[in-house]
Amino acid sequence: MILSLRTAPVRSHILSAIYFAGSKAPEYILLKDDTIYGHIKYLENPLTWEALKNHYSVADVSDYMLLLKKDKQINDCTMALLNRDV
């Protein structure tokens, strides 16, 4: 899986973070290290970045790419509804 994190609504940030922290997350992720207009793409979504940082380790590095490998022990996350917009 090649990961491209872009600015998106907060709800999709939460769902993305839960996916990458869960047991069904991909075993490996290719993370391209580049910027768009001076912004580091994967840092624009802090919840997903935190999930990647906590549940993956760097397996290999090339010029502009990182190969991330999922850590052995991953527990599924749960999400509680805090507010319902009507």
Protein backbone atom coordinates (compact mmCIF):
# COMPACT_ATOMS: atom_id res chain seq x y z
CA MET A 1 0.00 0.00 0.00
CA ILE A 2 1.34 3.45 -0.89
CA LEU A 3 0.12 5.98 1.63
CA SER A 4 -0.91 9.45 0.58
CA LEU A 5 -2.29 11.52 3.43
CA ARG A 6 -4.04 14.68 2.37
CA THR A 7 -6.00 17.23 4.30
CA ALA A 8 -9.52 15.84 4.70
CA PRO A 9 -12.47 16.34 7.02
CA VAL A 10 -11.80 15.40 10.64
CA ARG A 11 -14.15 12.40 10.52
CA SER A 12 -12.04 10.77 7.80
CA HIS A 13 -8.90 11.53 9.85
CA ILE A 14 -10.38 9.59 12.77
CA LEU A 15 -11.44 6.64 10.59
CA SER A 16 -8.03 6.56 8.91
CA ALA A 17 -6.26 6.53 12.29
CA ILE A 18 -8.49 3.72 13.60
CA TYR A 19 -7.81 1.67 10.45
CA PHE A 20 -4.02 1.97 10.71
CA ALA A 21 -4.13 1.20 14.44
CA GLY A 22 -6.31 -1.89 13.95
CA SER A 23 -5.62 -5.55 13.26
CA LYS A 24 -6.76 -5.27 9.60
CA ALA A 25 -4.13 -2.64 8.78
CA PRO A 26 -1.72 -3.56 5.96
CA GLU A 27 1.44 -5.45 6.90
CA TYR A 28 3.63 -2.99 4.98
CA ILE A 29 3.24 0.65 3.92
CA LEU A 30 5.37 2.63 1.48
CA LEU A 31 5.60 6.18 2.73
CA LYS A 32 6.85 8.73 0.21
CA ASP A 33 8.80 11.56 1.80
CA ASP A 34 7.96 14.68 -0.17
CA THR A 35 6.26 18.02 0.26
CA ILE A 36 3.56 19.99 -1.53
CA TYR A 37 4.04 23.75 -1.27
CA GLY A 38 6.31 23.22 1.71
CA HIS A 39 3.87 21.00 3.63
CA ILE A 40 4.84 17.48 4.68
CA LYS A 41 1.75 15.50 3.61
CA TYR A 42 1.75 12.82 6.29
CA LEU A 43 2.06 15.37 9.10
CA GLU A 44 -1.12 17.17 7.94
CA ASN A 45 -3.20 14.37 9.47
CA PRO A 46 -1.93 14.12 13.08
CA LEU A 47 -4.27 11.30 14.14
CA THR A 48 -3.14 9.01 11.34
CA TRP A 49 0.50 9.99 11.83
CA GLU A 50 0.19 9.07 15.52
CA ALA A 51 -1.32 5.68 14.62
CA LEU A 52 1.50 4.99 12.14
CA LYS A 53 4.15 6.08 14.63
CA ASN A 54 2.70 3.90 17.38
CA HIS A 55 1.97 0.74 15.34
CA TYR A 56 4.65 0.62 12.63
CA SER A 57 8.44 0.50 12.52
CA VAL A 58 10.79 1.50 9.71
CA ALA A 59 11.88 -1.67 7.89
CA ASP A 60 13.87 -0.04 5.07
CA VAL A 61 14.81 3.39 3.73
CA SER A 62 15.53 4.54 0.19
CA ASP A 63 16.20 8.00 -1.23
CA TYR A 64 12.65 9.33 -0.81
CA MET A 65 10.64 6.40 0.53
CA LEU A 66 10.23 4.57 3.82
CA LEU A 67 9.04 0.99 4.09
CA LEU A 68 7.01 0.68 7.29
CA LYS A 69 6.27 -2.75 8.79
CA LYS A 70 3.36 -3.34 11.14
CA ASP A 71 4.40 -4.19 14.68
CA LYS A 72 3.55 -7.68 15.92
CA GLN A 73 1.05 -6.79 18.64
CA ILE A 74 -1.86 -4.64 17.47
CA ASN A 75 -5.13 -4.36 19.35
CA ASP A 76 -8.27 -3.13 17.64
CA CYS A 77 -9.43 0.36 18.56
CA THR A 78 -12.97 1.27 19.45
CA MET A 79 -14.62 4.60 18.84
CA ALA A 80 -17.30 6.06 21.10
CA LEU A 81 -19.91 8.49 19.81
CA LEU A 82 -19.44 11.72 21.74
CA ASN A 83 -21.89 13.91 19.87
CA ARG A 84 -24.51 13.50 17.18
CA ASP A 85 -25.16 16.41 14.85
CA VAL A 86 -28.85 16.67 14.05
